[in-house]
PDB file of all heavy atoms in Angstrom:
ATOM      1  N   ARG A   1       0.830  -1.204   0.003  1.00  0.00           N
ATOM      2  CA  ARG A   1      -0.001   0.003  -0.002  1.00  0.00           C
ATOM      3  C   ARG A   1       0.865   1.263  -0.002  1.00  0.00           C
ATOM      4  O   ARG A   1       0.631   2.211   0.766  1.00  0.00           O
ATOM      5  CB  ARG A   1      -0.967  -0.001   1.191  1.00  0.00           C
ATOM      6  CG  ARG A   1      -1.851  -1.225   1.262  1.00  0.00           C
ATOM      7  CD  ARG A   1      -2.859  -1.146   2.380  1.00  0.00           C
ATOM      8  NE  ARG A   1      -3.969  -0.261   2.029  1.00  0.00           N
ATOM      9  CZ  ARG A   1      -4.999   0.006   2.834  1.00  0.00           C
ATOM     10  NH1 ARG A   1      -5.042  -0.549   4.044  1.00  0.00           N
ATOM     11  NH2 ARG A   1      -5.961   0.796   2.455  1.00  0.00           N
ATOM     12  N   THR A   2       1.842   1.277  -0.878  1.00  0.00           N
ATOM     13  CA  THR A   2       2.786   2.389  -0.923  1.00  0.00           C
ATOM     14  C   THR A   2       2.086   3.722  -1.195  1.00  0.00           C
ATOM     15  O   THR A   2       2.284   4.715  -0.499  1.00  0.00           O
ATOM     16  CB  THR A   2       3.867   2.130  -1.987  1.00  0.00           C
ATOM     17  OG1 THR A   2       4.538   0.902  -1.680  1.00  0.00           O
ATOM     18  CG2 THR A   2       4.875   3.260  -2.049  1.00  0.00           C
ATOM     19  N   GLY A   3       1.247   3.754  -2.227  1.00  0.00           N
ATOM     20  CA  GLY A   3       0.534   4.976  -2.565  1.00  0.00           C
ATOM     21  C   GLY A   3      -0.377   5.442  -1.439  1.00  0.00           C
ATOM     22  O   GLY A   3      -0.466   6.638  -1.148  1.00  0.00           O
ATOM     23  N   PHE A   4      -1.037   4.503  -0.791  1.00  0.00           N
ATOM     24  CA  PHE A   4      -1.942   4.851   0.312  1.00  0.00           C
ATOM     25  C   PHE A   4      -1.168   5.494   1.461  1.00  0.00           C
ATOM     26  O   PHE A   4      -1.633   6.457   2.078  1.00  0.00           O
ATOM     27  CB  PHE A   4      -2.666   3.592   0.796  1.00  0.00           C
ATOM     28  CG  PHE A   4      -3.545   3.804   1.995  1.00  0.00           C
ATOM     29  CD1 PHE A   4      -4.791   4.397   1.848  1.00  0.00           C
ATOM     30  CD2 PHE A   4      -3.128   3.431   3.264  1.00  0.00           C
ATOM     31  CE1 PHE A   4      -5.615   4.597   2.957  1.00  0.00           C
ATOM     32  CE2 PHE A   4      -3.939   3.629   4.375  1.00  0.00           C
ATOM     33  CZ  PHE A   4      -5.190   4.215   4.213  1.00  0.00           C
ATOM     34  N   ARG A   5       0.019   4.962   1.769  1.00  0.00           N
ATOM     35  CA  ARG A   5       0.820   5.515   2.871  1.00  0.00           C
ATOM     36  C   ARG A   5       1.277   6.945   2.540  1.00  0.00           C
ATOM     37  O   ARG A   5       1.316   7.809   3.425  1.00  0.00           O
ATOM     38  CB  ARG A   5       2.004   4.607   3.161  1.00  0.00           C
ATOM     39  CG  ARG A   5       1.592   3.295   3.840  1.00  0.00           C
ATOM     40  CD  ARG A   5       2.790   2.457   4.247  1.00  0.00           C
ATOM     41  NE  ARG A   5       3.471   1.897   3.101  1.00  0.00           N
ATOM     42  CZ  ARG A   5       4.793   1.898   2.940  1.00  0.00           C
ATOM     43  NH1 ARG A   5       5.590   2.456   3.836  1.00  0.00           N
ATOM     44  NH2 ARG A   5       5.333   1.343   1.874  1.00  0.00           N
ATOM     45  N   ILE A   6       1.580   7.190   1.277  1.00  0.00           N
ATOM     46  CA  ILE A   6       1.964   8.548   0.874  1.00  0.00           C
ATOM     47  C   ILE A   6       0.752   9.480   0.958  1.00  0.00           C
ATOM     48  O   ILE A   6       0.852  10.638   1.396  1.00  0.00           O
ATOM     49  CB  ILE A   6       2.569   8.541  -0.531  1.00  0.00           C
ATOM     50  CG1 ILE A   6       3.884   7.743  -0.522  1.00  0.00           C
ATOM     51  CG2 ILE A   6       2.802   9.945  -1.051  1.00  0.00           C
ATOM     52  CD1 ILE A   6       4.455   7.459  -1.906  1.00  0.00           C
ATOM     53  N   PHE A   7      -0.396   8.992   0.542  1.00  0.00           N
ATOM     54  CA  PHE A   7      -1.633   9.773   0.665  1.00  0.00           C
ATOM     55  C   PHE A   7      -1.887  10.180   2.114  1.00  0.00           C
ATOM     56  O   PHE A   7      -2.200  11.338   2.412  1.00  0.00           O
ATOM     57  CB  PHE A   7      -2.799   8.940   0.110  1.00  0.00           C
ATOM     58  CG  PHE A   7      -4.146   9.216   0.724  1.00  0.00           C
ATOM     59  CD1 PHE A   7      -4.763  10.442   0.570  1.00  0.00           C
ATOM     60  CD2 PHE A   7      -4.797   8.232   1.446  1.00  0.00           C
ATOM     61  CE1 PHE A   7      -6.012  10.697   1.137  1.00  0.00           C
ATOM     62  CE2 PHE A   7      -6.045   8.469   2.016  1.00  0.00           C
ATOM     63  CZ  PHE A   7      -6.650   9.704   1.863  1.00  0.00           C
ATOM     64  N   ARG A   8      -1.711   9.228   3.047  1.00  0.00           N
ATOM     65  CA  ARG A   8      -1.922   9.539   4.453  1.00  0.00           C
ATOM     66  C   ARG A   8      -0.902  10.563   4.963  1.00  0.00           C
ATOM     67  O   ARG A   8      -1.237  11.453   5.742  1.00  0.00           O
ATOM     68  CB  ARG A   8      -1.815   8.257   5.299  1.00  0.00           C
ATOM     69  CG  ARG A   8      -2.884   7.221   5.061  1.00  0.00           C
ATOM     70  CD  ARG A   8      -4.273   7.692   5.340  1.00  0.00           C
ATOM     71  NE  ARG A   8      -4.425   8.355   6.617  1.00  0.00           N
ATOM     72  CZ  ARG A   8      -5.563   8.862   7.070  1.00  0.00           C
ATOM     73  NH1 ARG A   8      -6.650   8.770   6.336  1.00  0.00           N
ATOM     74  NH2 ARG A   8      -5.629   9.460   8.260  1.00  0.00           N
ATOM     75  N   GLU A   9       0.334  10.464   4.492  1.00  0.00           N
ATOM     76  CA  GLU A   9       1.360  11.417   4.908  1.00  0.00           C
ATOM     77  C   GLU A   9       1.056  12.811   4.374  1.00  0.00           C
ATOM     78  O   GLU A   9       1.233  13.831   5.073  1.00  0.00           O
ATOM     79  CB  GLU A   9       2.731  10.949   4.429  1.00  0.00           C
ATOM     80  CG  GLU A   9       3.902  11.819   4.859  1.00  0.00           C
ATOM     81  CD  GLU A   9       4.085  11.887   6.355  1.00  0.00           C
ATOM     82  OE1 GLU A   9       3.797  10.881   7.054  1.00  0.00           O
ATOM     83  OE2 GLU A   9       4.511  12.958   6.850  1.00  0.00           O
ATOM     84  N   ALA A  10       0.593  12.889   3.113  1.00  0.00           N
ATOM     85  CA  ALA A  10       0.233  14.184   2.545  1.00  0.00           C
ATOM     86  C   ALA A  10      -0.929  14.815   3.295  1.00  0.00           C
ATOM     87  O   ALA A  10      -0.977  16.034   3.480  1.00  0.00           O
ATOM     88  CB  ALA A  10      -0.105  14.023   1.056  1.00  0.00           C
ATOM     89  N   LEU A  11      -1.850  13.993   3.749  1.00  0.00           N
ATOM     90  CA  LEU A  11      -2.995  14.503   4.503  1.00  0.00           C
ATOM     91  C   LEU A  11      -2.536  15.175   5.792  1.00  0.00           C
ATOM     92  O   LEU A  11      -3.060  16.237   6.174  1.00  0.00           O
ATOM     93  CB  LEU A  11      -3.940  13.337   4.818  1.00  0.00           C
ATOM     94  CG  LEU A  11      -5.423  13.645   4.987  1.00  0.00           C
ATOM     95  CD1 LEU A  11      -5.984  14.362   3.769  1.00  0.00           C
ATOM     96  CD2 LEU A  11      -6.199  12.351   5.246  1.00  0.00           C
ATOM     97  N   LYS A  12      -1.535  14.605   6.451  1.00  0.00           N
ATOM     98  CA  LYS A  12      -0.999  15.229   7.659  1.00  0.00           C
ATOM     99  C   LYS A  12      -0.453  16.625   7.346  1.00  0.00           C
ATOM    100  O   LYS A  12      -0.442  17.503   8.208  1.00  0.00           O
ATOM    101  CB  LYS A  12       0.138  14.376   8.234  1.00  0.00           C
ATOM    102  CG  LYS A  12      -0.259  13.011   8.742  1.00  0.00           C
ATOM    103  CD  LYS A  12       0.984  12.260   9.210  1.00  0.00           C
ATOM    104  CE  LYS A  12       0.674  10.818   9.556  1.00  0.00           C
ATOM    105  NZ  LYS A  12       1.926  10.080   9.904  1.00  0.00           N
ATOM    106  N   ARG A  13       0.016  16.807   6.104  1.00  0.00           N
ATOM    107  CA  ARG A  13       0.649  18.055   5.702  1.00  0.00           C
ATOM    108  C   ARG A  13      -0.333  19.027   5.028  1.00  0.00           C
ATOM    109  O   ARG A  13       0.068  20.030   4.453  1.00  0.00           O
ATOM    110  CB  ARG A  13       1.819  17.754   4.761  1.00  0.00           C
ATOM    111  CG  ARG A  13       2.899  16.908   5.414  1.00  0.00           C
ATOM    112  CD  ARG A  13       3.851  16.299   4.382  1.00  0.00           C
ATOM    113  NE  ARG A  13       4.805  15.398   5.006  1.00  0.00           N
ATOM    114  CZ  ARG A  13       6.067  15.680   5.276  1.00  0.00           C
ATOM    115  NH1 ARG A  13       6.548  16.881   4.961  1.00  0.00           N
ATOM    116  NH2 ARG A  13       6.866  14.799   5.827  1.00  0.00           N
ATOM    117  N   GLY A  14      -1.635  18.664   5.056  1.00  0.00           N
ATOM    118  CA  GLY A  14      -2.648  19.578   4.567  1.00  0.00           C
ATOM    119  C   GLY A  14      -2.970  19.484   3.095  1.00  0.00           C
ATOM    120  O   GLY A  14      -3.454  20.451   2.498  1.00  0.00           O
ATOM    121  N   VAL A  15      -2.743  18.299   2.493  1.00  0.00           N
ATOM    122  CA  VAL A  15      -3.080  18.101   1.083  1.00  0.00           C
ATOM    123  C   VAL A  15      -3.899  16.832   0.933  1.00  0.00           C
ATOM    124  O   VAL A  15      -3.476  15.750   1.386  1.00  0.00           O
ATOM    125  CB  VAL A  15      -1.818  18.018   0.206  1.00  0.00           C
ATOM    126  CG1 VAL A  15      -2.182  17.538  -1.203  1.00  0.00           C
ATOM    127  CG2 VAL A  15      -1.141  19.384   0.126  1.00  0.00           C
ATOM    128  N   LEU A  16      -5.080  16.943   0.338  1.00  0.00           N
ATOM    129  CA  LEU A  16      -5.905  15.779   0.021  1.00  0.00           C
ATOM    130  C   LEU A  16      -5.469  15.254  -1.328  1.00  0.00           C
ATOM    131  O   LEU A  16      -5.825  15.778  -2.378  1.00  0.00           O
ATOM    132  CB  LEU A  16      -7.378  16.167   0.005  1.00  0.00           C
ATOM    133  CG  LEU A  16      -8.369  15.052  -0.372  1.00  0.00           C
ATOM    134  CD1 LEU A  16      -8.248  13.859   0.570  1.00  0.00           C
ATOM    135  CD2 LEU A  16      -9.802  15.585  -0.369  1.00  0.00           C
ATOM    136  N   LEU A  17      -4.651  14.207  -1.305  1.00  0.00           N
ATOM    137  CA  LEU A  17      -3.999  13.671  -2.497  1.00  0.00           C
ATOM    138  C   LEU A  17      -4.322  12.191  -2.598  1.00  0.00           C
ATOM    139  O   LEU A  17      -3.482  11.339  -2.344  1.00  0.00           O
ATOM    140  CB  LEU A  17      -2.486  13.873  -2.385  1.00  0.00           C
ATOM    141  CG  LEU A  17      -1.618  13.492  -3.581  1.00  0.00           C
ATOM    142  CD1 LEU A  17      -1.710  14.541  -4.681  1.00  0.00           C
ATOM    143  CD2 LEU A  17      -0.152  13.347  -3.140  1.00  0.00           C
ATOM    144  N   ARG A  18      -5.553  11.855  -2.911  1.00  0.00           N
ATOM    145  CA  ARG A  18      -5.957  10.446  -2.945  1.00  0.00           C
ATOM    146  C   ARG A  18      -5.234   9.729  -4.077  1.00  0.00           C
ATOM    147  O   ARG A  18      -5.259  10.161  -5.236  1.00  0.00           O
ATOM    148  CB  ARG A  18      -7.467  10.336  -3.111  1.00  0.00           C
ATOM    149  CG  ARG A  18      -7.982   8.905  -2.966  1.00  0.00           C
ATOM    150  CD  ARG A  18      -9.483   8.852  -3.106  1.00  0.00           C
ATOM    151  NE  ARG A  18      -9.976   7.492  -3.108  1.00  0.00           N
ATOM    152  CZ  ARG A  18     -10.327   6.816  -2.023  1.00  0.00           C
ATOM    153  NH1 ARG A  18     -10.248   7.390  -0.852  1.00  0.00           N
ATOM    154  NH2 ARG A  18     -10.782   5.571  -2.115  1.00  0.00           N
ATOM    155  N   ASN A  19      -4.614   8.603  -3.751  1.00  0.00           N
ATOM    156  CA  ASN A  19      -3.831   7.846  -4.735  1.00  0.00           C
ATOM    157  C   ASN A  19      -4.699   6.903  -5.554  1.00  0.00           C
ATOM    158  O   ASN A  19      -5.810   6.531  -5.159  1.00  0.00           O
ATOM    159  CB  ASN A  19      -2.770   7.012  -4.015  1.00  0.00           C
ATOM    160  CG  ASN A  19      -3.405   6.028  -3.026  1.00  0.00           C
ATOM    161  OD1 ASN A  19      -4.088   6.442  -2.080  1.00  0.00           O
ATOM    162  ND2 ASN A  19      -3.207   4.753  -3.248  1.00  0.00           N
ATOM    163  N   LEU A  20      -4.201   6.500  -6.703  1.00  0.00           N
ATOM    164  CA  LEU A  20      -4.760   5.413  -7.498  1.00  0.00           C
ATOM    165  C   LEU A  20      -3.734   4.286  -7.469  1.00  0.00           C
ATOM    166  O   LEU A  20      -2.773   4.284  -8.232  1.00  0.00           O
ATOM    167  CB  LEU A  20      -5.009   5.861  -8.943  1.00  0.00           C
ATOM    168  CG  LEU A  20      -6.178   6.813  -9.158  1.00  0.00           C
ATOM    169  CD1 LEU A  20      -6.105   7.461 -10.530  1.00  0.00           C
ATOM    170  CD2 LEU A  20      -7.509   6.083  -8.981  1.00  0.00           C
ATOM    171  N   GLY A  21      -3.896   3.360  -6.536  1.00  0.00           N
ATOM    172  CA  GLY A  21      -2.869   2.343  -6.355  1.00  0.00           C
ATOM    173  C   GLY A  21      -1.562   3.024  -5.990  1.00  0.00           C
ATOM    174  O   GLY A  21      -1.480   3.794  -5.020  1.00  0.00           O
ATOM    175  N   ASP A  22      -0.524   2.772  -6.773  1.00  0.00           N
ATOM    176  CA  ASP A  22       0.778   3.408  -6.543  1.00  0.00           C
ATOM    177  C   ASP A  22       1.024   4.536  -7.538  1.00  0.00           C
ATOM    178  O   ASP A  22       2.173   4.831  -7.883  1.00  0.00           O
ATOM    179  CB  ASP A  22       1.894   2.361  -6.589  1.00  0.00           C
ATOM    180  CG  ASP A  22       1.852   1.442  -5.395  1.00  0.00           C
ATOM    181  OD1 ASP A  22       1.340   1.860  -4.336  1.00  0.00           O
ATOM    182  OD2 ASP A  22       2.305   0.280  -5.496  1.00  0.00           O
ATOM    183  N   CYS A  23      -0.040   5.151  -7.974  1.00  0.00           N
ATOM    184  CA  CYS A  23       0.057   6.366  -8.790  1.00  0.00           C
ATOM    185  C   CYS A  23      -0.441   7.553  -7.960  1.00  0.00           C
ATOM    186  O   CYS A  23      -1.542   7.505  -7.400  1.00  0.00           O
ATOM    187  CB  CYS A  23      -0.782   6.247 -10.068  1.00  0.00           C
ATOM    188  SG  CYS A  23      -0.116   5.087 -11.283  1.00  0.00           S
ATOM    189  N   LEU A  24       0.399   8.579  -7.863  1.00  0.00           N
ATOM    190  CA  LEU A  24      -0.005   9.840  -7.262  1.00  0.00           C
ATOM    191  C   LEU A  24      -0.386  10.781  -8.399  1.00  0.00           C
ATOM    192  O   LEU A  24       0.283  10.799  -9.420  1.00  0.00           O
ATOM    193  CB  LEU A  24       1.156  10.455  -6.472  1.00  0.00           C
ATOM    194  CG  LEU A  24       1.897   9.545  -5.492  1.00  0.00           C
ATOM    195  CD1 LEU A  24       3.056  10.306  -4.871  1.00  0.00           C
ATOM    196  CD2 LEU A  24       0.942   9.018  -4.420  1.00  0.00           C
ATOM    197  N   TYR A  25      -1.444  11.516  -8.222  1.00  0.00           N
ATOM    198  CA  TYR A  25      -1.841  12.381  -9.336  1.00  0.00           C
ATOM    199  C   TYR A  25      -2.347  13.715  -8.824  1.00  0.00           C
ATOM    200  O   TYR A  25      -2.799  13.854  -7.698  1.00  0.00           O
ATOM    201  CB  TYR A  25      -2.890  11.696 -10.212  1.00  0.00           C
ATOM    202  CG  TYR A  25      -4.236  11.516  -9.556  1.00  0.00           C
ATOM    203  CD1 TYR A  25      -5.253  12.434  -9.778  1.00  0.00           C
ATOM    204  CD2 TYR A  25      -4.512  10.418  -8.743  1.00  0.00           C
ATOM    205  CE1 TYR A  25      -6.503  12.276  -9.186  1.00  0.00           C
ATOM    206  CE2 TYR A  25      -5.740  10.251  -8.145  1.00  0.00           C
ATOM    207  CZ  TYR A  25      -6.733  11.177  -8.377  1.00  0.00           C
ATOM    208  OH  TYR A  25      -7.966  11.036  -7.775  1.00  0.00           O
ATOM    209  N   PHE A  26      -2.217  14.711  -9.705  1.00  0.00           N
ATOM    210  CA  PHE A  26      -2.642  16.071  -9.417  1.00  0.00           C
ATOM    211  C   PHE A  26      -3.711  16.466 -10.422  1.00  0.00           C
ATOM    212  O   PHE A  26      -3.465  16.473 -11.634  1.00  0.00           O
ATOM    213  CB  PHE A  26      -1.460  17.033  -9.508  1.00  0.00           C
ATOM    214  CG  PHE A  26      -0.273  16.619  -8.695  1.00  0.00           C
ATOM    215  CD1 PHE A  26       0.781  15.959  -9.288  1.00  0.00           C
ATOM    216  CD2 PHE A  26      -0.231  16.862  -7.338  1.00  0.00           C
ATOM    217  CE1 PHE A  26       1.877  15.557  -8.532  1.00  0.00           C
ATOM    218  CE2 PHE A  26       0.858  16.476  -6.579  1.00  0.00           C
ATOM    219  CZ  PHE A  26       1.925  15.810  -7.177  1.00  0.00           C
ATOM    220  N   LEU A  27      -4.898  16.768  -9.930  1.00  0.00           N
ATOM    221  CA  LEU A  27      -6.018  17.149 -10.765  1.00  0.00           C
ATOM    222  C   LEU A  27      -6.781  18.254 -10.032  1.00  0.00           C
ATOM    223  O   LEU A  27      -7.881  18.056  -9.571  1.00  0.00           O
ATOM    224  CB  LEU A  27      -6.883  15.911 -11.021  1.00  0.00           C
ATOM    225  CG  LEU A  27      -7.881  15.911 -12.170  1.00  0.00           C
ATOM    226  CD1 LEU A  27      -8.044  14.517 -12.744  1.00  0.00           C
ATOM    227  CD2 LEU A  27      -9.236  16.435 -11.724  1.00  0.00           C
ATOM    228  N   PRO A  28      -6.157  19.406  -9.876  1.00  0.00           N
ATOM    229  CA  PRO A  28      -6.713  20.444  -8.992  1.00  0.00           C
ATOM    230  C   PRO A  28      -7.800  21.271  -9.659  1.00  0.00           C
ATOM    231  O   PRO A  28      -7.967  21.251 -10.890  1.00  0.00           O
ATOM    232  CB  PRO A  28      -5.489  21.324  -8.702  1.00  0.00           C
ATOM    233  CG  PRO A  28      -4.658  21.203  -9.949  1.00  0.00           C
ATOM    234  CD  PRO A  28      -4.841  19.792 -10.427  1.00  0.00           C
ATOM    235  N   PRO A  29      -8.561  22.017  -8.869  1.00  0.00           N
ATOM    236  CA  PRO A  29      -9.517  22.969  -9.449  1.00  0.00           C
ATOM    237  C   PRO A  29      -8.788  23.973 -10.333  1.00  0.00           C
ATOM    238  O   PRO A  29      -7.635  24.328 -10.089  1.00  0.00           O
ATOM    239  CB  PRO A  29     -10.113  23.660  -8.213  1.00  0.00           C
ATOM    240  CG  PRO A  29      -9.921  22.679  -7.099  1.00  0.00           C
ATOM    241  CD  PRO A  29      -8.632  21.999  -7.386  1.00  0.00           C
TER     242      PRO A  29
END
């Protein structure tokens, strides 16, 4: 769950960055 762990770490830092498996993606407003 590598991507999920990074998502949780980003959340601590104030960014909602939901992963797709082990893909991190940026799709902002």
